Amino acid sequence: MTALSCIAYAAWIFLAAFLFRGCLPPFVGKNDSGRAMRPVRDIGVACLAAGAFFFVPPGSLPPFLNYPWGGLVFLGCLALSALLARERASAVPLLLAGCVALVFFWYARQRGMPGSAANLGTFTGMPVWGIAPARHICGFLLLAAGFLAAARALFDGCRSSHAATLRCFAVCALFVALFAPWNTAPYVRWPDSLVAGCDFMLFWGKVFGVAAVLLLLPPVQAGGRRLSFFCCTVGSALIIIPAG
């Protein structure tokens, strides 16, 4: 990865988040008018949240920072971004999203999927839907439901800062990488550059699509949080605990 491509991708991430924030309905994620502005800290936290995207495969391309434990670094970037921003409302949704990702990493290791178990690019090369038995598919569907319910809570504060918007967007990208990693590459015989470009745009289209679905969901109340915990707990049990 060259410095120019790194800068270009970072600019694309900020532009996509800016467009996403501008398209939000006025009743979603209202700004926190009482929040003291600290420009240096806010810029640093936003850059940290944007850095998480470099560990997510954009379509059929590998992650820009393609390290064996990149998925764990992704989760660490989001958690540290929320911690430094002191946004306590993000703690539970990010914790649930992290637990879901850890279940995927464990499953990749147990099933011997090619690639590093903690690299999000592993699930692009071999989606879990194609290798999981029916019991595990039910578990992954419950994890998807719990993940979306938890992610919806992040949108309640997505206008409080640029970093909050980027975290919402990053969680949507994580959902795509884990639950909807399909690309056009296995099905077409176009030039590699054209396929990579199409899959790149398809990836970001799916990210925007997941964000749009989350915006259509009602705000998460106490019952919704309990449902999210229930779905994640039962889904994880179906996947991890052996049958019989």
Protein backbone atom coordinates (compact mmCIF):
# COMPACT_ATOMS: atom_id res chain seq x y z
CA MET A 1 0.00 0.00 0.00
CA THR A 2 1.48 3.33 -1.06
CA ALA A 3 1.17 6.55 0.90
CA LEU A 4 -0.95 8.02 -1.91
CA SER A 5 -3.45 5.15 -1.84
CA CYS A 6 -3.60 5.41 1.96
CA ILE A 7 -4.38 9.12 1.80
CA ALA A 8 -6.92 8.61 -0.99
CA TYR A 9 -8.74 5.88 0.94
CA ALA A 10 -8.77 7.96 4.12
CA ALA A 11 -10.25 10.86 2.15
CA TRP A 12 -12.89 8.51 0.73
CA ILE A 13 -13.81 7.28 4.22
CA PHE A 14 -14.27 10.82 5.55
CA LEU A 15 -16.24 11.81 2.45
CA ALA A 16 -18.54 8.80 2.75
CA ALA A 17 -19.12 9.51 6.44
CA PHE A 18 -19.78 13.19 5.67
CA LEU A 19 -22.36 12.26 3.02
CA PHE A 20 -23.92 9.74 5.38
CA ARG A 21 -24.17 12.33 8.14
CA GLY A 22 -25.67 14.88 5.78
CA CYS A 23 -28.37 12.43 4.65
CA LEU A 24 -29.54 11.62 8.18
CA PRO A 25 -33.12 12.63 8.98
CA PRO A 26 -33.29 15.59 11.39
CA PHE A 27 -34.78 13.46 14.17
CA VAL A 28 -31.89 10.95 14.19
CA GLY A 29 -28.81 11.40 16.33
CA LYS A 30 -29.32 15.00 17.41
CA ASN A 31 -26.22 17.02 18.21
CA ASP A 32 -25.13 17.27 21.81
CA SER A 33 -25.21 21.04 22.24
CA GLY A 34 -23.76 20.83 25.74
CA ARG A 35 -20.65 19.01 24.65
CA ALA A 36 -17.45 21.02 25.01
CA MET A 37 -15.50 21.16 21.76
CA ARG A 38 -11.88 20.04 21.91
CA PRO A 39 -10.68 20.27 18.31
CA VAL A 40 -7.36 18.46 18.73
CA ARG A 41 -8.85 15.56 20.65
CA ASP A 42 -11.87 15.35 18.34
CA ILE A 43 -9.66 15.17 15.25
CA GLY A 44 -7.48 12.50 16.83
CA VAL A 45 -10.47 10.40 17.89
CA ALA A 46 -12.03 10.74 14.42
CA CYS A 47 -8.77 9.63 12.78
CA LEU A 48 -8.64 6.64 15.12
CA ALA A 49 -12.20 5.65 14.19
CA ALA A 50 -11.42 6.12 10.49
CA GLY A 51 -8.30 3.99 10.88
CA ALA A 52 -10.48 1.00 11.73
CA PHE A 53 -11.64 0.89 8.10
CA PHE A 54 -8.12 -0.02 6.98
CA PHE A 55 -8.58 -3.45 8.55
CA VAL A 56 -11.86 -4.20 6.70
CA PRO A 57 -11.68 -5.74 3.19
CA PRO A 58 -13.37 -3.30 0.75
CA GLY A 59 -15.03 -5.81 -1.53
CA SER A 60 -12.82 -8.46 -3.12
CA LEU A 61 -9.69 -6.48 -2.24
CA PRO A 62 -7.79 -7.46 0.91
CA PRO A 63 -7.76 -5.02 3.83
CA PHE A 64 -5.46 -2.06 3.26
CA LEU A 65 -3.60 -3.13 6.41
CA ASN A 66 -3.67 -6.89 5.91
CA TYR A 67 -2.34 -8.27 9.18
CA PRO A 68 -3.25 -11.66 10.74
CA TRP A 69 -4.85 -10.00 13.77
CA GLY A 70 -6.36 -7.09 11.88
CA GLY A 71 -9.88 -7.86 13.08
CA LEU A 72 -8.81 -7.44 16.70
CA VAL A 73 -7.06 -4.17 15.87
CA PHE A 74 -10.30 -3.01 14.18
CA LEU A 75 -12.24 -3.65 17.38
CA GLY A 76 -9.53 -1.97 19.42
CA CYS A 77 -9.64 1.17 17.27
CA LEU A 78 -13.39 1.52 17.75
CA ALA A 79 -13.23 0.83 21.48
CA LEU A 80 -10.34 3.25 22.03
CA SER A 81 -12.09 5.90 19.94
CA ALA A 82 -15.22 5.67 22.09
CA LEU A 83 -13.14 5.58 25.29
CA LEU A 84 -11.15 8.70 24.44
CA ALA A 85 -14.33 10.50 23.37
CA ARG A 86 -15.95 9.53 26.69
CA GLU A 87 -19.11 8.38 24.94
CA ARG A 88 -20.48 5.90 27.43
CA ALA A 89 -23.58 5.23 25.34
CA SER A 90 -21.36 3.50 22.76
CA ALA A 91 -19.93 1.01 25.26
CA VAL A 92 -22.64 -1.66 25.22
CA PRO A 93 -23.28 -1.63 21.43
CA LEU A 94 -19.55 -1.85 20.69
CA LEU A 95 -19.13 -4.59 23.29
CA LEU A 96 -21.86 -6.68 21.66
CA ALA A 97 -20.44 -6.06 18.19
CA GLY A 98 -17.03 -7.14 19.47
CA CYS A 99 -18.45 -10.32 21.00
CA VAL A 100 -20.14 -11.21 17.71
CA ALA A 101 -16.87 -10.69 15.85
CA LEU A 102 -15.03 -12.88 18.38
CA VAL A 103 -17.53 -15.69 17.78
CA PHE A 104 -16.75 -15.45 14.06
CA PHE A 105 -13.00 -15.54 14.75
CA TRP A 106 -13.43 -18.59 16.98
CA TYR A 107 -15.57 -20.31 14.33
CA ALA A 108 -13.01 -19.66 11.60
CA ARG A 109 -10.33 -21.24 13.77
CA GLN A 110 -12.44 -24.25 14.68
CA ARG A 111 -13.51 -24.93 11.10
CA GLY A 112 -10.03 -24.47 9.70
CA MET A 113 -11.04 -21.73 7.28
CA PRO A 114 -8.14 -20.66 5.03
CA GLY A 115 -6.43 -17.51 6.23
CA SER A 116 -5.98 -16.00 9.66
CA ALA A 117 -8.98 -16.51 11.94
CA ALA A 118 -8.82 -12.91 13.22
CA ASN A 119 -8.51 -11.30 9.79
CA LEU A 120 -11.79 -9.97 8.39
CA GLY A 121 -10.62 -10.82 4.87
CA THR A 122 -10.94 -14.52 5.77
CA PHE A 123 -14.73 -14.25 5.66
CA THR A 124 -14.69 -12.63 2.24
CA GLY A 125 -12.84 -15.59 0.78
CA MET A 126 -15.13 -18.13 2.49
CA PRO A 127 -18.44 -16.84 3.90
CA VAL A 128 -19.64 -18.85 6.88
CA TRP A 129 -23.03 -19.40 5.22
CA GLY A 130 -21.47 -21.83 2.75
CA ILE A 131 -19.85 -24.11 5.33
CA ALA A 132 -22.13 -23.91 8.38
CA PRO A 133 -24.69 -26.63 9.18
CA ALA A 134 -28.31 -25.71 9.86
CA ARG A 135 -27.80 -25.34 13.63
CA HIS A 136 -24.94 -22.90 13.14
CA ILE A 137 -26.85 -20.96 10.47
CA CYS A 138 -29.65 -20.40 12.99
CA GLY A 139 -27.03 -19.16 15.43
CA PHE A 140 -25.54 -16.76 12.89
CA LEU A 141 -29.01 -15.43 12.04
CA LEU A 142 -29.61 -14.71 15.73
CA LEU A 143 -26.21 -13.03 15.94
CA ALA A 144 -27.14 -10.86 12.95
CA ALA A 145 -30.40 -9.82 14.63
CA GLY A 146 -28.63 -9.04 17.90
CA PHE A 147 -25.87 -7.17 16.07
CA LEU A 148 -28.36 -4.94 14.23
CA ALA A 149 -30.32 -4.21 17.40
CA ALA A 150 -27.12 -3.23 19.20
CA ALA A 151 -25.83 -1.17 16.26
CA ARG A 152 -29.10 0.79 16.14
CA ALA A 153 -28.30 2.28 19.54
CA LEU A 154 -25.16 3.89 18.12
CA PHE A 155 -27.24 6.00 15.75
CA ASP A 156 -28.90 7.83 18.64
CA GLY A 157 -25.68 9.80 19.11
CA CYS A 158 -24.20 9.68 15.63
CA ARG A 159 -24.35 13.47 15.23
CA SER A 160 -22.57 14.24 18.48
CA SER A 161 -19.18 14.19 16.72
CA HIS A 162 -17.48 13.16 13.50
CA ALA A 163 -15.93 10.22 15.35
CA ALA A 164 -19.39 9.01 16.41
CA THR A 165 -20.53 9.10 12.78
CA LEU A 166 -17.45 7.17 11.71
CA ARG A 167 -18.03 4.55 14.42
CA CYS A 168 -21.60 4.02 13.21
CA PHE A 169 -20.30 3.62 9.69
CA ALA A 170 -17.51 1.27 10.81
CA VAL A 171 -19.97 -1.01 12.61
CA CYS A 172 -22.01 -1.21 9.40
CA ALA A 173 -18.82 -2.14 7.53
CA LEU A 174 -18.13 -4.86 10.11
CA PHE A 175 -21.63 -6.27 9.59
CA VAL A 176 -21.05 -6.41 5.83
CA ALA A 177 -17.64 -8.08 6.25
CA LEU A 178 -19.05 -10.77 8.55
CA PHE A 179 -22.62 -11.37 7.41
CA ALA A 180 -22.78 -10.17 3.78
CA PRO A 181 -19.28 -10.54 2.27
CA TRP A 182 -20.37 -11.66 -1.20
CA ASN A 183 -18.75 -10.07 -4.25
CA THR A 184 -18.99 -10.31 -8.02
CA ALA A 185 -15.45 -11.69 -8.43
CA PRO A 186 -16.39 -15.41 -8.40
CA TYR A 187 -19.17 -14.93 -10.95
CA VAL A 188 -17.75 -12.70 -13.69
CA ARG A 189 -14.72 -12.85 -15.97
CA TRP A 190 -13.94 -9.17 -16.28
CA PRO A 191 -10.48 -7.62 -16.04
CA ASP A 192 -9.15 -7.67 -12.48
CA SER A 193 -9.14 -3.89 -12.15
CA LEU A 194 -12.79 -3.66 -13.26
CA VAL A 195 -13.86 -6.44 -10.88
CA ALA A 196 -12.00 -4.81 -7.99
CA GLY A 197 -13.64 -1.45 -8.74
CA CYS A 198 -17.13 -2.96 -8.97
CA ASP A 199 -16.69 -4.91 -5.76
CA PHE A 200 -15.33 -1.82 -4.01
CA MET A 201 -18.46 0.14 -4.91
CA LEU A 202 -20.67 -2.86 -4.07
CA PHE A 203 -19.08 -3.05 -0.63
CA TRP A 204 -19.77 0.60 0.10
CA GLY A 205 -23.27 0.26 -1.33
CA LYS A 206 -23.92 -2.54 1.16
CA VAL A 207 -22.52 -0.41 3.99
CA PHE A 208 -24.90 2.43 3.09
CA GLY A 209 -27.70 -0.14 2.77
CA VAL A 210 -27.11 -1.52 6.26
CA ALA A 211 -27.04 2.04 7.63
CA ALA A 212 -30.34 2.78 5.87
CA VAL A 213 -31.93 -0.34 7.37
CA LEU A 214 -30.76 0.68 10.84
CA LEU A 215 -32.27 4.13 10.38
CA LEU A 216 -35.62 2.52 9.60
CA LEU A 217 -35.59 0.58 12.87
CA PRO A 218 -37.24 2.23 15.88
CA PRO A 219 -34.96 3.61 18.62
CA VAL A 220 -33.73 0.90 20.95
CA GLN A 221 -35.38 0.93 24.37
CA ALA A 222 -34.65 -1.27 27.39
CA GLY A 223 -36.63 -4.14 25.86
CA GLY A 224 -34.63 -3.87 22.65
CA ARG A 225 -31.36 -4.06 24.55
CA ARG A 226 -32.53 -7.18 26.35
CA LEU A 227 -33.56 -8.69 23.02
CA SER A 228 -30.14 -7.90 21.59
CA PHE A 229 -28.42 -9.63 24.52
CA PHE A 230 -30.78 -12.59 24.22
CA CYS A 231 -30.16 -13.03 20.48
CA CYS A 232 -26.39 -12.77 20.87
CA THR A 233 -26.33 -15.18 23.83
CA VAL A 234 -28.54 -17.84 22.23
CA GLY A 235 -26.84 -17.46 18.85
CA SER A 236 -23.40 -17.86 20.39
CA ALA A 237 -24.57 -20.92 22.33
CA LEU A 238 -25.91 -22.59 19.18
CA ILE A 239 -22.56 -22.07 17.47
CA ILE A 240 -20.11 -22.77 20.29
CA ILE A 241 -21.81 -25.50 22.36
CA PRO A 242 -21.60 -28.90 20.60
CA ALA A 243 -24.91 -30.56 19.70
CA GLY A 244 -25.93 -33.54 21.81
